[in-house]
Amino acid sequence: MTTYKFQPDFRLGAAWIISIAATLGSLYFSEIKGYIPCDLCWFQRIFMYPLTILLGIAYYKKDLGIMKYVLPLSCIGGAISVYHIAYQRFYSLFSNHGLAACGPTPCNVNYFTWLGFITIPVMALTAFLLITVLLWSLSRAAKAAGAGTED
């Protein structure tokens, strides 16, 4: 049986790169393409942008203690993405009951759809899920290797 030495750099670094890509992607869509973010997009940004800074610092310092701060951010951001996707897909259900978040840009607007299902909220959910899975698996691997996070 092959055993692998615990290496936090891969998962932590990958989560950081994903957060950078998501942050730069959202800035590209709003600042270069001119898409005006809706309220739900702003809430997703509120939870993604700090991840870029926190994961970057954690990666640089090899600090696994950051998990207790970044996992809630990625989980809440992912939950907002799920709500946003449901709102876009089932707009008529939400609009009839006053459950919509509305601002200058309606949250049900799809600026584009790739392959019939990939929208901006789907990309955000993918990023949040990948970050959550990477950090959760890193946390479990650290505990199994005895390099657990400080509580």
N, C-alpha and C. Protein backbone atom coordinates (compact mmCIF):
# COMPACT_ATOMS: atom_id res chain seq x y z
N MET A 1 0.84 -1.18 0.00
CA MET A 1 0.00 0.00 0.00
C MET A 1 0.88 1.24 0.00
N THR A 2 0.56 2.18 -0.86
CA THR A 2 1.32 3.41 -0.96
C THR A 2 0.74 4.44 -0.01
N THR A 3 1.59 5.05 0.77
CA THR A 3 1.14 6.12 1.64
C THR A 3 1.68 7.44 1.11
N TYR A 4 0.91 8.47 1.28
CA TYR A 4 1.30 9.78 0.80
C TYR A 4 1.55 10.70 1.98
N LYS A 5 2.61 11.46 1.90
CA LYS A 5 2.91 12.43 2.94
C LYS A 5 1.87 13.54 2.87
N PHE A 6 1.40 13.97 4.01
CA PHE A 6 0.42 15.05 4.04
C PHE A 6 1.06 16.32 3.48
N GLN A 7 0.37 16.91 2.51
CA GLN A 7 0.88 18.13 1.88
C GLN A 7 -0.27 19.12 1.74
N PRO A 8 -0.34 20.11 2.61
CA PRO A 8 -1.46 21.05 2.56
C PRO A 8 -1.39 22.01 1.38
N ASP A 9 -0.22 22.17 0.79
CA ASP A 9 -0.05 23.19 -0.23
C ASP A 9 -0.96 23.00 -1.43
N PHE A 10 -1.16 21.76 -1.87
CA PHE A 10 -1.95 21.54 -3.08
C PHE A 10 -3.38 22.02 -2.92
N ARG A 11 -4.07 21.54 -1.90
CA ARG A 11 -5.48 21.88 -1.74
C ARG A 11 -5.68 23.35 -1.37
N LEU A 12 -4.86 23.83 -0.47
CA LEU A 12 -4.96 25.23 -0.07
C LEU A 12 -4.63 26.14 -1.25
N GLY A 13 -3.59 25.79 -1.98
CA GLY A 13 -3.21 26.57 -3.16
C GLY A 13 -4.27 26.51 -4.25
N ALA A 14 -4.85 25.33 -4.46
CA ALA A 14 -5.90 25.19 -5.48
C ALA A 14 -7.13 26.02 -5.10
N ALA A 15 -7.50 25.99 -3.82
CA ALA A 15 -8.65 26.80 -3.37
C ALA A 15 -8.37 28.28 -3.58
N TRP A 16 -7.14 28.70 -3.31
CA TRP A 16 -6.76 30.10 -3.51
C TRP A 16 -6.85 30.48 -4.99
N ILE A 17 -6.34 29.62 -5.85
CA ILE A 17 -6.38 29.89 -7.30
C ILE A 17 -7.83 29.97 -7.79
N ILE A 18 -8.68 29.10 -7.30
CA ILE A 18 -10.10 29.14 -7.68
C ILE A 18 -10.74 30.45 -7.23
N SER A 19 -10.42 30.89 -6.02
CA SER A 19 -11.00 32.15 -5.54
C SER A 19 -10.48 33.33 -6.35
N ILE A 20 -9.22 33.29 -6.76
CA ILE A 20 -8.67 34.34 -7.61
C ILE A 20 -9.39 34.35 -8.96
N ALA A 21 -9.56 33.17 -9.55
CA ALA A 21 -10.24 33.08 -10.84
C ALA A 21 -11.68 33.59 -10.74
N ALA A 22 -12.38 33.25 -9.67
CA ALA A 22 -13.76 33.71 -9.50
C ALA A 22 -13.82 35.22 -9.32
N THR A 23 -12.89 35.75 -8.54
CA THR A 23 -12.85 37.20 -8.32
C THR A 23 -12.54 37.94 -9.61
N LEU A 24 -11.51 37.49 -10.32
CA LEU A 24 -11.15 38.13 -11.58
C LEU A 24 -12.26 37.96 -12.63
N GLY A 25 -12.91 36.81 -12.63
CA GLY A 25 -14.01 36.58 -13.56
C GLY A 25 -15.17 37.53 -13.30
N SER A 26 -15.51 37.73 -12.04
CA SER A 26 -16.62 38.64 -11.73
C SER A 26 -16.26 40.08 -12.09
N LEU A 27 -15.01 40.45 -11.87
CA LEU A 27 -14.57 41.79 -12.25
C LEU A 27 -14.53 41.95 -13.77
N TYR A 28 -14.16 40.90 -14.48
CA TYR A 28 -14.16 40.94 -15.95
C TYR A 28 -15.58 41.18 -16.47
N PHE A 29 -16.54 40.42 -15.94
CA PHE A 29 -17.91 40.57 -16.42
C PHE A 29 -18.48 41.96 -16.13
N SER A 30 -18.15 42.53 -14.97
CA SER A 30 -18.73 43.83 -14.63
C SER A 30 -17.94 45.00 -15.20
N GLU A 31 -16.62 44.94 -15.15
CA GLU A 31 -15.82 46.09 -15.55
C GLU A 31 -15.46 46.11 -17.03
N ILE A 32 -15.29 44.96 -17.64
CA ILE A 32 -14.89 44.91 -19.05
C ILE A 32 -16.09 44.65 -19.95
N LYS A 33 -16.89 43.64 -19.60
CA LYS A 33 -18.06 43.32 -20.42
C LYS A 33 -19.23 44.28 -20.15
N GLY A 34 -19.20 44.96 -19.03
CA GLY A 34 -20.24 45.94 -18.73
C GLY A 34 -21.52 45.37 -18.14
N TYR A 35 -21.48 44.12 -17.65
CA TYR A 35 -22.66 43.54 -17.02
C TYR A 35 -22.83 44.17 -15.64
N ILE A 36 -24.01 44.67 -15.36
CA ILE A 36 -24.27 45.28 -14.06
C ILE A 36 -24.71 44.17 -13.11
N PRO A 37 -23.97 43.96 -12.01
CA PRO A 37 -24.33 42.87 -11.09
C PRO A 37 -25.66 43.15 -10.37
N CYS A 38 -26.45 42.12 -10.22
CA CYS A 38 -27.69 42.23 -9.45
C CYS A 38 -27.35 42.13 -7.96
N ASP A 39 -28.37 42.29 -7.12
CA ASP A 39 -28.14 42.23 -5.68
C ASP A 39 -27.57 40.88 -5.24
N LEU A 40 -28.12 39.79 -5.77
CA LEU A 40 -27.62 38.47 -5.37
C LEU A 40 -26.18 38.26 -5.84
N CYS A 41 -25.84 38.80 -7.00
CA CYS A 41 -24.44 38.72 -7.46
C CYS A 41 -23.53 39.47 -6.50
N TRP A 42 -24.00 40.62 -6.00
CA TRP A 42 -23.19 41.38 -5.05
C TRP A 42 -22.99 40.58 -3.76
N PHE A 43 -24.03 39.92 -3.30
CA PHE A 43 -23.88 39.12 -2.08
C PHE A 43 -22.88 37.98 -2.31
N GLN A 44 -22.91 37.36 -3.47
CA GLN A 44 -21.95 36.31 -3.77
C GLN A 44 -20.54 36.87 -3.80
N ARG A 45 -20.38 38.08 -4.35
CA ARG A 45 -19.07 38.74 -4.35
C ARG A 45 -18.60 39.02 -2.93
N ILE A 46 -19.53 39.45 -2.07
CA ILE A 46 -19.19 39.76 -0.68
C ILE A 46 -18.57 38.54 0.00
N PHE A 47 -19.01 37.35 -0.36
CA PHE A 47 -18.47 36.14 0.25
C PHE A 47 -17.26 35.58 -0.50
N MET A 48 -17.09 35.91 -1.78
CA MET A 48 -15.95 35.40 -2.55
C MET A 48 -14.70 36.26 -2.39
N TYR A 49 -14.84 37.57 -2.44
CA TYR A 49 -13.66 38.44 -2.44
C TYR A 49 -12.77 38.26 -1.20
N PRO A 50 -13.34 38.16 0.00
CA PRO A 50 -12.46 37.93 1.16
C PRO A 50 -11.73 36.59 1.11
N LEU A 51 -12.34 35.60 0.45
CA LEU A 51 -11.68 34.29 0.34
C LEU A 51 -10.35 34.42 -0.39
N THR A 52 -10.29 35.30 -1.38
CA THR A 52 -9.06 35.49 -2.13
C THR A 52 -7.94 35.97 -1.21
N ILE A 53 -8.25 36.92 -0.36
CA ILE A 53 -7.24 37.46 0.55
C ILE A 53 -6.90 36.45 1.65
N LEU A 54 -7.93 35.90 2.29
CA LEU A 54 -7.70 34.97 3.40
C LEU A 54 -6.97 33.71 2.96
N LEU A 55 -7.37 33.13 1.83
CA LEU A 55 -6.70 31.92 1.34
C LEU A 55 -5.28 32.22 0.89
N GLY A 56 -5.05 33.40 0.33
CA GLY A 56 -3.70 33.79 -0.06
C GLY A 56 -2.77 33.88 1.14
N ILE A 57 -3.25 34.50 2.20
CA ILE A 57 -2.45 34.61 3.43
C ILE A 57 -2.23 33.23 4.03
N ALA A 58 -3.28 32.42 4.08
CA ALA A 58 -3.16 31.07 4.65
C ALA A 58 -2.18 30.22 3.84
N TYR A 59 -2.23 30.34 2.52
CA TYR A 59 -1.31 29.58 1.67
C TYR A 59 0.13 30.02 1.92
N TYR A 60 0.34 31.32 1.99
CA TYR A 60 1.69 31.85 2.21
C TYR A 60 2.25 31.40 3.56
N LYS A 61 1.40 31.43 4.59
CA LYS A 61 1.86 31.07 5.94
C LYS A 61 1.69 29.59 6.26
N LYS A 62 1.09 28.82 5.32
CA LYS A 62 0.81 27.39 5.54
C LYS A 62 -0.03 27.20 6.80
N ASP A 63 -1.02 28.06 6.95
CA ASP A 63 -1.86 28.10 8.15
C ASP A 63 -3.17 27.36 7.91
N LEU A 64 -3.33 26.21 8.53
CA LEU A 64 -4.57 25.45 8.40
C LEU A 64 -5.65 25.94 9.35
N GLY A 65 -5.30 26.80 10.28
CA GLY A 65 -6.28 27.35 11.20
C GLY A 65 -7.29 28.26 10.52
N ILE A 66 -7.02 28.63 9.31
CA ILE A 66 -7.91 29.52 8.55
C ILE A 66 -9.23 28.83 8.19
N MET A 67 -9.25 27.51 8.26
CA MET A 67 -10.44 26.75 7.83
C MET A 67 -11.71 27.23 8.53
N LYS A 68 -11.62 27.49 9.82
CA LYS A 68 -12.82 27.87 10.56
C LYS A 68 -13.36 29.23 10.15
N TYR A 69 -12.57 30.00 9.41
CA TYR A 69 -13.02 31.30 8.93
C TYR A 69 -13.49 31.25 7.47
N VAL A 70 -12.82 30.46 6.66
CA VAL A 70 -13.15 30.46 5.23
C VAL A 70 -14.25 29.46 4.86
N LEU A 71 -14.36 28.37 5.58
CA LEU A 71 -15.43 27.41 5.26
C LEU A 71 -16.83 28.03 5.41
N PRO A 72 -17.10 28.79 6.47
CA PRO A 72 -18.42 29.43 6.54
C PRO A 72 -18.65 30.41 5.38
N LEU A 73 -17.63 31.15 5.00
CA LEU A 73 -17.78 32.08 3.87
C LEU A 73 -18.14 31.34 2.59
N SER A 74 -17.43 30.24 2.32
CA SER A 74 -17.70 29.52 1.07
C SER A 74 -19.05 28.80 1.12
N CYS A 75 -19.44 28.30 2.28
CA CYS A 75 -20.75 27.63 2.39
C CYS A 75 -21.91 28.61 2.25
N ILE A 76 -21.80 29.76 2.89
CA ILE A 76 -22.87 30.76 2.78
C ILE A 76 -22.93 31.31 1.36
N GLY A 77 -21.77 31.58 0.77
CA GLY A 77 -21.74 32.04 -0.62
C GLY A 77 -22.35 31.02 -1.56
N GLY A 78 -22.08 29.75 -1.32
CA GLY A 78 -22.67 28.69 -2.13
C GLY A 78 -24.18 28.63 -1.97
N ALA A 79 -24.66 28.83 -0.74
CA ALA A 79 -26.11 28.83 -0.50
C ALA A 79 -26.79 29.99 -1.24
N ILE A 80 -26.14 31.14 -1.26
CA ILE A 80 -26.69 32.28 -2.01
C ILE A 80 -26.71 31.96 -3.50
N SER A 81 -25.68 31.29 -3.99
CA SER A 81 -25.64 30.88 -5.40
C SER A 81 -26.78 29.92 -5.73
N VAL A 82 -27.04 28.97 -4.84
CA VAL A 82 -28.15 28.03 -5.06
C VAL A 82 -29.47 28.79 -5.14
N TYR A 83 -29.67 29.72 -4.22
CA TYR A 83 -30.89 30.53 -4.25
C TYR A 83 -30.98 31.32 -5.56
N HIS A 84 -29.87 31.90 -5.99
CA HIS A 84 -29.85 32.70 -7.22
C HIS A 84 -30.18 31.83 -8.44
N ILE A 85 -29.62 30.64 -8.49
CA ILE A 85 -29.91 29.72 -9.60
C ILE A 85 -31.40 29.35 -9.60
N ALA A 86 -31.93 29.02 -8.42
CA ALA A 86 -33.35 28.67 -8.33
C ALA A 86 -34.21 29.86 -8.73
N TYR A 87 -33.81 31.04 -8.32
CA TYR A 87 -34.56 32.25 -8.66
C TYR A 87 -34.57 32.48 -10.17
N GLN A 88 -33.43 32.28 -10.82
CA GLN A 88 -33.37 32.44 -12.28
C GLN A 88 -34.20 31.38 -13.00
N ARG A 89 -34.12 30.16 -12.54
CA ARG A 89 -34.82 29.06 -13.22
C ARG A 89 -36.33 29.07 -12.99
N PHE A 90 -36.73 29.44 -11.80
CA PHE A 90 -38.14 29.38 -11.42
C PHE A 90 -38.66 30.76 -11.02
N TYR A 91 -38.38 31.73 -11.85
CA TYR A 91 -38.72 33.13 -11.55
C TYR A 91 -40.19 33.31 -11.21
N SER A 92 -41.07 32.65 -11.92
CA SER A 92 -42.51 32.85 -11.70
C SER A 92 -42.93 32.43 -10.29
N LEU A 93 -42.29 31.42 -9.73
CA LEU A 93 -42.61 31.00 -8.36
C LEU A 93 -42.21 32.06 -7.34
N PHE A 94 -41.05 32.68 -7.58
CA PHE A 94 -40.53 33.66 -6.63
C PHE A 94 -41.24 35.01 -6.76
N SER A 95 -41.50 35.43 -7.99
CA SER A 95 -42.06 36.76 -8.21
C SER A 95 -43.49 36.89 -7.69
N ASN A 96 -44.23 35.80 -7.66
CA ASN A 96 -45.62 35.85 -7.18
C ASN A 96 -45.72 35.95 -5.67
N HIS A 97 -44.65 35.65 -4.96
CA HIS A 97 -44.70 35.63 -3.50
C HIS A 97 -43.83 36.68 -2.85
N GLY A 98 -43.28 37.59 -3.63
CA GLY A 98 -42.47 38.67 -3.07
C GLY A 98 -41.17 38.21 -2.46
N LEU A 99 -40.62 37.09 -2.91
CA LEU A 99 -39.37 36.58 -2.35
C LEU A 99 -38.15 37.05 -3.12
N ALA A 100 -38.33 37.90 -4.09
CA ALA A 100 -37.22 38.29 -4.96
C ALA A 100 -36.39 39.40 -4.33
N ALA A 101 -35.10 39.35 -4.59
CA ALA A 101 -34.22 40.45 -4.24
C ALA A 101 -34.10 41.31 -5.49
N CYS A 102 -34.48 42.56 -5.39
CA CYS A 102 -34.48 43.40 -6.59
C CYS A 102 -33.65 44.65 -6.34
N GLY A 103 -32.93 45.05 -7.34
CA GLY A 103 -32.16 46.28 -7.33
C GLY A 103 -32.24 46.87 -8.71
N PRO A 104 -31.22 47.64 -9.11
CA PRO A 104 -31.24 48.23 -10.44
C PRO A 104 -31.23 47.17 -11.55
N THR A 105 -30.62 46.03 -11.29
CA THR A 105 -30.60 44.93 -12.25
C THR A 105 -31.40 43.77 -11.67
N PRO A 106 -32.41 43.30 -12.38
CA PRO A 106 -33.19 42.16 -11.86
C PRO A 106 -32.31 40.91 -11.73
N CYS A 107 -32.56 40.16 -10.67
CA CYS A 107 -31.75 38.97 -10.40
C CYS A 107 -32.09 37.79 -11.32
N ASN A 108 -33.17 37.89 -12.06
CA ASN A 108 -33.53 36.79 -12.95
C ASN A 108 -32.94 36.95 -14.35
N VAL A 109 -32.18 38.02 -14.58
CA VAL A 109 -31.59 38.27 -15.90
C VAL A 109 -30.40 37.34 -16.11
N ASN A 110 -30.40 36.63 -17.25
CA ASN A 110 -29.24 35.83 -17.66
C ASN A 110 -28.50 36.62 -18.72
N TYR A 111 -27.29 37.05 -18.41
CA TYR A 111 -26.51 37.75 -19.43
C TYR A 111 -26.08 36.80 -20.53
N PHE A 112 -25.86 35.56 -20.16
CA PHE A 112 -25.49 34.54 -21.14
C PHE A 112 -25.75 33.17 -20.54
N THR A 113 -25.84 32.18 -21.39
CA THR A 113 -25.97 30.79 -20.97
C THR A 113 -25.09 29.95 -21.88
N TRP A 114 -24.12 29.26 -21.28
CA TRP A 114 -23.24 28.36 -22.02
C TRP A 114 -23.75 26.94 -21.88
N LEU A 115 -23.73 26.20 -22.95
CA LEU A 115 -24.12 24.79 -22.98
C LEU A 115 -25.53 24.56 -22.43
N GLY A 116 -26.34 25.58 -22.44
CA GLY A 116 -27.72 25.43 -22.02
C GLY A 116 -27.98 25.51 -20.52
N PHE A 117 -26.93 25.55 -19.69
CA PHE A 117 -27.18 25.59 -18.25
C PHE A 117 -26.15 26.39 -17.46
N ILE A 118 -25.03 26.75 -18.04
CA ILE A 118 -23.99 27.45 -17.29
C ILE A 118 -24.24 28.95 -17.36
N THR A 119 -24.62 29.52 -16.22
CA THR A 119 -24.83 30.95 -16.08
C THR A 119 -23.82 31.49 -15.07
N ILE A 120 -23.83 32.79 -14.84
CA ILE A 120 -22.91 33.37 -13.86
C ILE A 120 -23.13 32.78 -12.47
N PRO A 121 -24.38 32.64 -11.97
CA PRO A 121 -24.56 32.01 -10.66
C PRO A 121 -24.10 30.55 -10.62
N VAL A 122 -24.22 29.82 -11.72
CA VAL A 122 -23.73 28.44 -11.76
C VAL A 122 -22.21 28.42 -11.64
N MET A 123 -21.55 29.36 -12.30
CA MET A 123 -20.09 29.44 -12.17
C MET A 123 -19.69 29.80 -10.74
N ALA A 124 -20.43 30.71 -10.11
CA ALA A 124 -20.14 31.07 -8.72
C ALA A 124 -20.34 29.86 -7.80
N LEU A 125 -21.44 29.13 -8.00
CA LEU A 125 -21.68 27.93 -7.19
C LEU A 125 -20.57 26.91 -7.38
N THR A 126 -20.13 26.73 -8.60
CA THR A 126 -19.04 25.79 -8.87
C THR A 126 -17.79 26.18 -8.11
N ALA A 127 -17.45 27.47 -8.12
CA ALA A 127 -16.27 27.94 -7.40
C ALA A 127 -16.44 27.72 -5.89
N PHE A 128 -17.59 28.10 -5.34
CA PHE A 128 -17.82 27.91 -3.91
C PHE A 128 -17.77 26.43 -3.53
N LEU A 129 -18.37 25.56 -4.34
CA LEU A 129 -18.34 24.13 -4.05
C LEU A 129 -16.93 23.56 -4.11
N LEU A 130 -16.18 23.93 -5.14
CA LEU A 130 -14.80 23.45 -5.25
C LEU A 130 -13.96 23.89 -4.06
N ILE A 131 -14.09 25.15 -3.67
CA ILE A 131 -13.34 25.65 -2.52
C ILE A 131 -13.76 24.90 -1.26
N THR A 132 -15.05 24.71 -1.06
CA THR A 132 -15.54 24.00 0.12
C THR A 132 -15.03 22.57 0.16
N VAL A 133 -15.12 21.86 -0.95
CA VAL A 133 -14.66 20.47 -0.99
C VAL A 133 -13.16 20.38 -0.76
N LEU A 134 -12.39 21.26 -1.39
CA LEU A 134 -10.93 21.24 -1.20
C LEU A 134 -10.57 21.51 0.25
N LEU A 135 -11.19 22.49 0.86
CA LEU A 135 -10.86 22.83 2.25
C LEU A 135 -11.36 21.77 3.22
N TRP A 136 -12.54 21.21 2.96
CA TRP A 136 -13.05 20.15 3.82
C TRP A 136 -12.14 18.93 3.75
N SER A 137 -11.73 18.55 2.54
CA SER A 137 -10.84 17.39 2.41
C SER A 137 -9.47 17.68 3.01
N LEU A 138 -9.02 18.91 2.91
CA LEU A 138 -7.75 19.29 3.54
C LEU A 138 -7.84 19.19 5.05
N SER A 139 -8.95 19.63 5.60
CA SER A 139 -9.16 19.55 7.04
C SER A 139 -9.16 18.10 7.52
N ARG A 140 -9.85 17.24 6.79
CA ARG A 140 -9.88 15.81 7.15
C ARG A 140 -8.50 15.17 7.02
N ALA A 141 -7.77 15.52 5.95
CA ALA A 141 -6.43 14.96 5.75
C ALA A 141 -5.48 15.44 6.84
N ALA A 142 -5.62 16.69 7.25
CA ALA A 142 -4.76 17.22 8.31
C ALA A 142 -5.03 16.51 9.63
N LYS A 143 -6.29 16.27 9.93
CA LYS A 143 -6.63 15.56 11.17
C LYS A 143 -6.12 14.12 11.13
N ALA A 144 -6.24 13.46 9.98
CA ALA A 144 -5.77 12.08 9.84
C ALA A 144 -4.26 11.99 9.96
N ALA A 145 -3.56 13.03 9.52
CA ALA A 145 -2.10 13.03 9.57
C ALA A 145 -1.58 13.55 10.90
N GLY A 146 -2.49 13.97 11.77
CA GLY A 146 -2.05 14.48 13.06
C GLY A 146 -1.58 15.92 13.00
N ALA A 147 -1.84 16.59 11.89
CA ALA A 147 -1.46 17.99 11.75
C ALA A 147 -2.69 18.86 11.87
N GLY A 148 -3.59 18.48 12.76
CA GLY A 148 -4.90 19.12 12.85
C GLY A 148 -4.85 20.61 13.01
N THR A 149 -5.96 21.23 12.79
CA THR A 149 -6.06 22.67 12.92
C THR A 149 -6.22 23.03 14.38
N GLU A 150 -5.67 24.16 14.75
CA GLU A 150 -5.80 24.61 16.13
C GLU A 150 -7.20 25.16 16.33
N ASP A 151 -7.81 24.82 17.46
CA ASP A 151 -9.16 25.33 17.75
C ASP A 151 -9.08 26.49 18.69
